[in-house]
Protein backbone atom coordinates (compact mmCIF):
# COMPACT_ATOMS: atom_id res chain seq x y z
CA MET A 1 13.77 -63.29 8.91
CA THR A 2 16.81 -64.78 7.16
CA THR A 3 14.54 -66.73 4.76
CA THR A 4 12.55 -63.60 3.94
CA ALA A 5 15.67 -61.62 3.24
CA ALA A 6 17.22 -64.42 1.11
CA ARG A 7 14.32 -64.60 -1.28
CA PRO A 8 14.71 -61.09 -2.72
CA GLU A 9 18.48 -61.73 -3.09
CA GLU A 10 17.75 -64.96 -5.04
CA GLY A 11 15.31 -63.06 -7.21
CA VAL A 12 17.92 -60.40 -7.92
CA ARG A 13 20.48 -63.08 -8.83
CA ARG A 14 17.94 -64.81 -11.07
CA ASN A 15 17.04 -61.56 -12.80
CA GLY A 16 20.66 -60.69 -13.15
CA GLY A 17 21.41 -64.01 -14.83
CA ARG A 18 18.43 -63.56 -17.12
CA ARG A 19 19.64 -60.10 -18.13
CA LEU A 20 23.10 -61.46 -18.89
CA VAL A 21 21.66 -64.20 -21.10
CA ASP A 22 19.36 -61.65 -22.85
CA ARG A 23 22.37 -59.38 -23.42
CA VAL A 24 24.35 -62.19 -25.02
CA ALA A 25 21.35 -62.97 -27.31
CA ARG A 26 21.12 -59.27 -28.37
CA VAL A 27 24.85 -59.25 -29.18
CA ARG A 28 24.43 -62.34 -31.33
CA GLU A 29 21.52 -60.84 -33.19
CA LEU A 30 23.41 -57.56 -33.66
CA GLY A 31 26.27 -59.56 -35.13
CA ILE A 32 23.92 -61.10 -37.67
CA VAL A 33 22.59 -57.68 -38.66
CA VAL A 34 26.18 -56.48 -39.17
CA ALA A 35 26.90 -59.61 -41.21
CA LEU A 36 23.86 -58.88 -43.36
CA GLY A 37 25.01 -55.33 -43.96
CA VAL A 38 28.45 -56.47 -44.97
CA LEU A 39 27.02 -59.22 -47.23
CA PHE A 40 24.65 -56.91 -49.07
CA GLY A 41 27.18 -54.07 -49.23
CA VAL A 42 30.04 -56.15 -50.67
CA THR A 43 27.88 -58.16 -53.06
CA GLY A 44 26.08 -54.98 -54.23
CA ALA A 45 29.45 -53.32 -54.88
CA VAL A 46 30.66 -56.26 -56.96
CA ASN A 47 27.35 -56.72 -58.76
CA PRO A 48 24.83 -53.85 -58.47
CA SER A 49 22.02 -56.03 -59.78
CA PHE A 50 22.01 -57.76 -56.39
CA LEU A 51 20.45 -54.66 -54.81
CA THR A 52 17.68 -54.13 -57.35
CA TYR A 53 14.08 -54.31 -56.17
CA ASP A 54 13.39 -57.59 -57.92
CA SER A 55 16.46 -59.24 -56.38
CA LEU A 56 15.63 -58.03 -52.84
CA ARG A 57 12.02 -59.09 -53.30
CA ASP A 58 13.04 -62.60 -54.24
CA ILE A 59 15.33 -62.79 -51.18
CA LEU A 60 12.44 -61.72 -48.94
CA LEU A 61 10.06 -64.23 -50.51
CA ASN A 62 12.52 -67.09 -50.17
CA SER A 63 13.53 -66.24 -46.68
CA ALA A 64 9.90 -65.77 -45.51
CA ILE A 65 9.20 -69.49 -45.80
CA VAL A 66 12.44 -70.55 -44.08
CA ALA A 67 11.90 -67.88 -41.38
CA LEU A 68 8.40 -69.17 -40.71
CA LEU A 69 9.75 -72.71 -40.31
CA ALA A 70 12.62 -71.38 -38.17
CA VAL A 71 10.13 -69.74 -35.78
CA GLY A 72 8.38 -73.07 -35.23
CA GLN A 73 11.73 -74.92 -34.96
CA THR A 74 12.89 -72.48 -32.34
CA LEU A 75 10.00 -73.38 -30.09
CA VAL A 76 11.14 -77.04 -30.22
CA VAL A 77 14.87 -76.48 -29.99
CA ILE A 78 14.46 -74.23 -26.90
CA THR A 79 13.09 -77.35 -25.12
CA ARG A 80 16.21 -79.38 -25.98
CA ASN A 81 14.52 -81.15 -28.88
CA VAL A 82 14.51 -80.95 -32.66
CA ASP A 83 11.96 -81.43 -35.40
CA LEU A 84 13.40 -83.00 -38.53
CA SER A 85 10.03 -83.69 -40.12
CA VAL A 86 9.13 -80.09 -40.97
CA SER A 87 10.14 -80.43 -44.62
CA SER A 88 7.82 -83.42 -45.10
CA VAL A 89 4.97 -81.56 -43.39
CA VAL A 90 5.57 -78.65 -45.80
CA GLY A 91 5.46 -81.15 -48.67
CA LEU A 92 2.14 -82.67 -47.45
CA SER A 93 0.62 -79.25 -46.94
CA ALA A 94 1.83 -77.81 -50.25
CA PHE A 95 0.59 -80.74 -52.31
CA GLY A 96 -2.67 -80.97 -50.36
CA SER A 97 -3.54 -77.29 -50.82
CA ALA A 98 -2.59 -77.34 -54.48
CA LEU A 99 -4.56 -80.55 -55.15
CA ILE A 100 -7.72 -79.34 -53.41
CA LEU A 101 -7.64 -76.00 -55.18
CA ALA A 102 -7.01 -77.66 -58.51
CA ASP A 103 -9.71 -80.31 -58.23
CA TYR A 104 -12.22 -78.29 -56.24
CA PRO A 105 -11.72 -74.61 -57.26
CA GLY A 106 -14.90 -73.62 -55.44
CA VAL A 107 -13.42 -74.31 -52.01
CA PRO A 108 -12.71 -70.97 -50.26
CA ILE A 109 -8.99 -70.22 -49.96
CA PRO A 110 -9.18 -69.45 -46.19
CA VAL A 111 -10.73 -72.89 -45.61
CA VAL A 112 -7.83 -74.52 -47.48
CA ILE A 113 -5.31 -72.57 -45.47
CA ALA A 114 -7.01 -73.47 -42.18
CA GLY A 115 -7.15 -77.15 -43.23
CA CYS A 116 -3.42 -77.17 -44.05
CA VAL A 117 -2.54 -75.59 -40.73
CA ALA A 118 -4.68 -78.21 -38.97
CA LEU A 119 -2.92 -80.95 -40.95
CA GLY A 120 0.43 -79.57 -39.88
CA ALA A 121 -0.73 -79.39 -36.24
CA LEU A 122 -1.80 -83.02 -36.38
CA CYS A 123 1.61 -84.06 -37.69
CA GLY A 124 3.17 -81.95 -34.92
CA ALA A 125 0.95 -83.63 -32.32
CA ILE A 126 2.15 -87.05 -33.49
CA ASN A 127 5.75 -85.88 -33.02
CA GLY A 128 4.94 -84.31 -29.69
CA LEU A 129 3.30 -87.49 -28.31
CA LEU A 130 6.20 -89.61 -29.48
CA VAL A 131 8.74 -87.30 -27.78
CA GLY A 132 6.79 -85.90 -24.81
CA ALA A 133 4.64 -88.87 -23.85
CA ALA A 134 6.42 -91.96 -25.22
CA LYS A 135 9.87 -90.49 -24.40
CA VAL A 136 11.32 -91.34 -27.78
CA PRO A 137 14.43 -89.18 -28.45
CA ALA A 138 13.38 -86.31 -30.71
CA LEU A 139 16.07 -87.02 -33.26
CA VAL A 140 14.88 -90.59 -33.73
CA ALA A 141 11.17 -89.81 -33.56
CA THR A 142 11.19 -86.94 -36.02
CA LEU A 143 13.61 -88.73 -38.40
CA GLY A 144 11.08 -91.53 -38.53
CA THR A 145 8.14 -89.21 -39.15
CA LEU A 146 10.15 -87.32 -41.77
CA TYR A 147 10.20 -90.50 -43.86
CA ALA A 148 6.64 -91.51 -42.85
CA PHE A 149 5.08 -88.19 -43.80
CA ARG A 150 7.08 -88.06 -47.03
CA GLY A 151 5.87 -91.55 -47.85
CA ILE A 152 2.26 -90.52 -47.31
CA ASP A 153 2.92 -87.58 -49.58
CA TYR A 154 4.27 -89.82 -52.38
CA ALA A 155 1.34 -92.20 -51.96
CA TRP A 156 -1.16 -89.33 -52.08
CA ALA A 157 0.47 -87.74 -55.15
CA GLY A 158 0.74 -90.99 -57.03
CA GLY A 159 3.25 -89.34 -59.38
CA ARG A 160 0.95 -86.40 -60.11
CA GLN A 161 2.21 -82.86 -60.42
CA VAL A 162 -0.05 -79.83 -59.92
CA ASN A 163 0.85 -76.86 -62.08
CA ALA A 164 0.14 -73.17 -61.65
CA ALA A 165 -2.37 -73.36 -64.57
CA ASP A 166 -4.46 -75.76 -62.52
CA MET A 167 -4.87 -73.45 -59.50
CA PRO A 168 -7.04 -70.36 -59.06
CA ASP A 169 -5.45 -67.01 -59.89
CA ASP A 170 -6.54 -65.62 -56.55
CA PHE A 171 -4.48 -68.18 -54.72
CA LEU A 172 -1.37 -67.66 -56.88
CA ALA A 173 -1.75 -63.92 -56.32
CA LEU A 174 -0.99 -64.50 -52.65
CA GLY A 175 2.57 -65.48 -53.63
CA ALA A 176 3.02 -62.45 -55.89
CA ARG A 177 1.09 -59.69 -54.09
CA SER A 178 2.88 -56.88 -52.30
CA VAL A 179 1.80 -54.31 -49.73
CA LEU A 180 3.67 -50.98 -49.97
CA GLY A 181 6.36 -52.80 -51.98
CA VAL A 182 6.79 -55.60 -49.35
CA PRO A 183 5.77 -59.11 -50.40
CA LEU A 184 2.65 -60.34 -48.67
CA LEU A 185 4.24 -63.63 -47.69
CA ALA A 186 7.06 -61.72 -45.95
CA LEU A 187 4.46 -59.70 -44.01
CA VAL A 188 2.72 -62.89 -42.93
CA ALA A 189 6.03 -64.34 -41.71
CA LEU A 190 6.76 -61.02 -39.86
CA ALA A 191 3.33 -61.03 -38.17
CA VAL A 192 3.87 -64.63 -36.93
CA LEU A 193 7.41 -63.71 -35.82
CA LEU A 194 6.18 -60.74 -33.72
CA VAL A 195 3.33 -62.72 -32.10
CA VAL A 196 5.46 -65.74 -31.19
CA GLY A 197 8.32 -63.49 -30.04
CA TRP A 198 5.95 -61.61 -27.74
CA MET A 199 4.48 -64.83 -26.37
CA LEU A 200 7.90 -66.31 -25.59
CA ARG A 201 8.94 -63.22 -23.70
CA ASN A 202 5.80 -62.17 -21.89
CA LEU A 203 3.59 -65.28 -21.37
CA ARG A 204 4.20 -67.90 -18.67
CA SER A 205 3.92 -70.70 -21.18
CA GLY A 206 6.76 -69.12 -23.21
CA ARG A 207 9.05 -68.71 -20.24
CA GLU A 208 8.36 -72.30 -19.23
CA LEU A 209 9.79 -73.53 -22.55
CA TYR A 210 13.07 -71.86 -21.63
CA ALA A 211 12.94 -73.38 -18.19
CA ILE A 212 12.39 -76.86 -19.66
CA GLY A 213 15.35 -76.42 -22.03
CA SER A 214 17.61 -75.08 -19.25
CA ASN A 215 16.95 -77.89 -16.83
CA PRO A 216 14.15 -80.42 -17.53
CA GLU A 217 14.46 -82.07 -14.06
CA ALA A 218 14.23 -78.77 -12.27
CA ALA A 219 11.23 -77.80 -14.44
CA VAL A 220 9.39 -80.93 -13.29
CA LEU A 221 10.17 -80.20 -9.63
CA ALA A 222 8.91 -76.61 -10.18
CA GLY A 223 5.54 -78.00 -11.18
CA ILE A 224 5.82 -77.17 -14.92
CA GLY A 225 3.88 -79.55 -17.18
CA VAL A 226 6.90 -80.59 -19.20
CA ARG A 227 5.13 -83.17 -21.37
CA ARG A 228 2.28 -80.78 -22.16
CA ARG A 229 4.63 -77.95 -23.09
CA ILE A 230 6.78 -80.20 -25.33
CA VAL A 231 3.68 -81.50 -27.16
CA ALA A 232 2.46 -77.87 -27.58
CA ALA A 233 5.89 -76.83 -29.01
CA PHE A 234 5.73 -79.63 -31.61
CA VAL A 235 2.12 -78.83 -32.42
CA ALA A 236 3.04 -75.16 -33.01
CA SER A 237 6.01 -76.16 -35.19
CA GLY A 238 3.76 -78.47 -37.26
CA ALA A 239 1.06 -75.87 -37.63
CA LEU A 240 3.60 -73.30 -38.93
CA ALA A 241 5.04 -75.91 -41.28
CA GLY A 242 1.47 -76.43 -42.59
CA LEU A 243 1.12 -72.72 -43.17
CA ALA A 244 4.56 -72.67 -44.87
CA GLY A 245 3.37 -75.38 -47.25
CA VAL A 246 0.49 -73.21 -48.40
CA MET A 247 2.88 -70.32 -48.83
CA TRP A 248 5.18 -72.59 -50.91
CA ALA A 249 2.37 -73.60 -53.22
CA ALA A 250 1.27 -69.99 -53.74
CA ARG A 251 4.91 -68.82 -54.24
CA PHE A 252 6.07 -71.44 -56.73
CA GLY A 253 2.87 -72.70 -58.32
CA THR A 254 4.23 -76.09 -59.42
CA VAL A 255 3.90 -78.69 -56.73
CA ASP A 256 4.64 -82.45 -56.47
CA ALA A 257 5.59 -84.94 -53.79
CA THR A 258 9.24 -83.76 -53.68
CA VAL A 259 8.44 -80.27 -52.38
CA ALA A 260 10.86 -78.99 -49.72
CA THR A 261 12.91 -82.17 -49.59
CA GLY A 262 15.96 -81.51 -47.49
CA LYS A 263 14.69 -78.17 -46.32
CA GLU A 264 14.84 -79.22 -42.66
CA LEU A 265 18.62 -78.81 -42.70
CA ASP A 266 18.33 -75.22 -43.89
CA VAL A 267 15.84 -74.51 -41.13
CA ILE A 268 17.99 -76.02 -38.37
CA ALA A 269 21.05 -74.12 -39.74
CA ALA A 270 19.02 -70.85 -39.68
CA VAL A 271 17.99 -71.49 -36.03
CA VAL A 272 21.55 -72.28 -34.86
CA VAL A 273 23.18 -69.48 -36.87
CA GLY A 274 20.55 -67.21 -35.33
CA GLY A 275 21.83 -67.88 -31.87
CA VAL A 276 19.32 -70.45 -30.58
CA ALA A 277 21.25 -72.89 -28.40
CA ILE A 278 21.11 -76.38 -29.83
CA PHE A 279 21.27 -77.63 -26.26
CA GLY A 280 18.12 -75.72 -25.40
CA GLY A 281 17.21 -73.01 -22.91
CA SER A 282 18.22 -69.86 -24.78
CA GLY A 283 17.74 -67.98 -28.03
CA THR A 284 14.97 -65.97 -29.65
CA VAL A 285 12.77 -66.33 -32.72
CA TYR A 286 14.09 -62.92 -33.88
CA GLY A 287 17.60 -64.35 -34.12
CA ALA A 288 16.33 -67.43 -35.96
CA ALA A 289 14.49 -65.25 -38.44
CA LEU A 290 17.65 -63.17 -38.98
CA GLY A 291 19.59 -66.43 -39.47
CA ALA A 292 17.10 -67.46 -42.19
CA LEU A 293 17.54 -64.06 -43.86
CA LEU A 294 21.32 -64.35 -43.67
CA LEU A 295 21.51 -67.87 -45.12
CA THR A 296 19.02 -66.97 -47.89
CA GLY A 297 21.01 -63.81 -48.66
CA ILE A 298 24.24 -65.79 -48.80
CA THR A 299 22.73 -68.31 -51.22
CA SER A 300 21.48 -65.49 -53.46
CA ALA A 301 24.79 -63.59 -53.23
CA LEU A 302 26.80 -66.67 -54.18
CA ALA A 303 24.49 -67.34 -57.11
CA VAL A 304 24.92 -63.72 -58.29
CA LEU A 305 28.69 -64.08 -57.92
CA ARG A 306 28.44 -67.36 -59.86
CA VAL A 307 29.91 -69.52 -57.12
CA ASP A 308 29.49 -73.24 -57.62
CA ALA A 309 26.44 -74.80 -55.86
CA LEU A 310 28.69 -77.29 -54.01
CA ALA A 311 30.69 -74.37 -52.61
CA GLN A 312 27.45 -72.81 -51.39
CA THR A 313 26.65 -75.99 -49.45
CA ALA A 314 30.12 -76.03 -47.97
CA ILE A 315 29.87 -72.43 -46.90
CA ASN A 316 26.49 -73.04 -45.19
CA GLY A 317 27.99 -76.01 -43.42
CA ALA A 318 30.98 -74.02 -42.27
CA LEU A 319 28.65 -71.32 -40.93
CA LEU A 320 26.68 -73.92 -39.01
CA ILE A 321 29.76 -75.42 -37.41
CA ALA A 322 31.05 -71.93 -36.53
CA ALA A 323 27.70 -71.00 -34.99
CA ILE A 324 27.67 -74.17 -32.84
CA VAL A 325 31.24 -73.58 -31.62
CA LEU A 326 30.45 -69.89 -30.87
CA ASP A 327 27.25 -70.94 -29.03
CA ARG A 328 29.22 -73.36 -26.89
CA VAL A 329 31.96 -70.80 -26.13
CA LEU A 330 29.32 -68.21 -25.14
CA ALA A 331 27.44 -70.68 -23.01
CA LEU A 332 30.62 -71.54 -21.11
CA ARG A 333 31.39 -67.87 -20.62
CA VAL A 334 27.92 -67.06 -19.40
CA ALA A 335 28.03 -69.99 -16.98
CA ALA A 336 31.42 -68.82 -15.65
CA ALA A 337 30.13 -65.26 -15.26
CA LEU A 338 27.09 -66.47 -13.35
CA ARG A 339 29.28 -68.56 -11.11
CA ARG A 340 31.55 -65.54 -10.32
CA ARG A 341 28.52 -63.41 -9.62
CA ARG A 342 27.06 -66.00 -7.21
CA PHE A 343 30.51 -66.30 -5.48
CA HIS A 344 30.76 -62.51 -5.18
CA ASP A 345 27.24 -62.24 -3.78
CA ALA A 346 27.95 -65.00 -1.25
CA HIS A 347 30.95 -63.08 0.05
């Protein structure tokens, strides 16, 4: 009788804790939306050209690629891991897609896109097996594959550069086409964002990623396939990086082995600024996408205001540190609130 009565109470406490964490995430995301409003409002007031259609379109195009990578990175970070190799996977995919379309223009574009996504998934599987099966720390494993994948890219390119003139017009049109005034690449990123966001919230596999990040040992005891889920998260991150590489080639046209070098830092910054806990277990892909839009908007705003590039890097770094500190403070407050709630329920 006592056991039966206790189970509903435990469920209520668990749901209450989940609602509290979700509420904190929504507040973080609302804060980013407010910051975006202030950024665009102030910059537009100082320089009205910042709010022109062409300027906003460029911001959406640039943020779409970072947002897509941030969605994949979020899946990994939620499990208490990190994927530093995404920039090299983007480079491999971008050069591979450009090279194939330049040398074999008869290959259907959907086949090239599918091949690049598969290439990214393969790279992600290598990372996942290193981290999930071989138990190599994610920071070490993905730092190694960052250099390994980039080295393969350099060897493949052999110093060659593929230019827009070498690629089919239909492929380049993907980077320039708009639907109802919204860039196609931004719509692709939005579609991926909505699908992954729904899966994380509604599917068991998505909730298990949060459970792994919150307490890996407890997840194992609960019967969750921790290794399998970690590998799947890395595979998804790699696949999205492969898709982002195709988008990069279509967006910029000129591709060589240096594509996206250092971009992994922007992606991780977007994820953390967007409210995804670097220690795992909380955060949403929506916040990560908003973080990507905010950082891209800041970069564009500082360029419009003619702020030095080094200062832009410093500002992004300051935002990242502030986000980590805020995340830690909020985590401590949430933990304290949950402890008070449990104490109150016990008495």
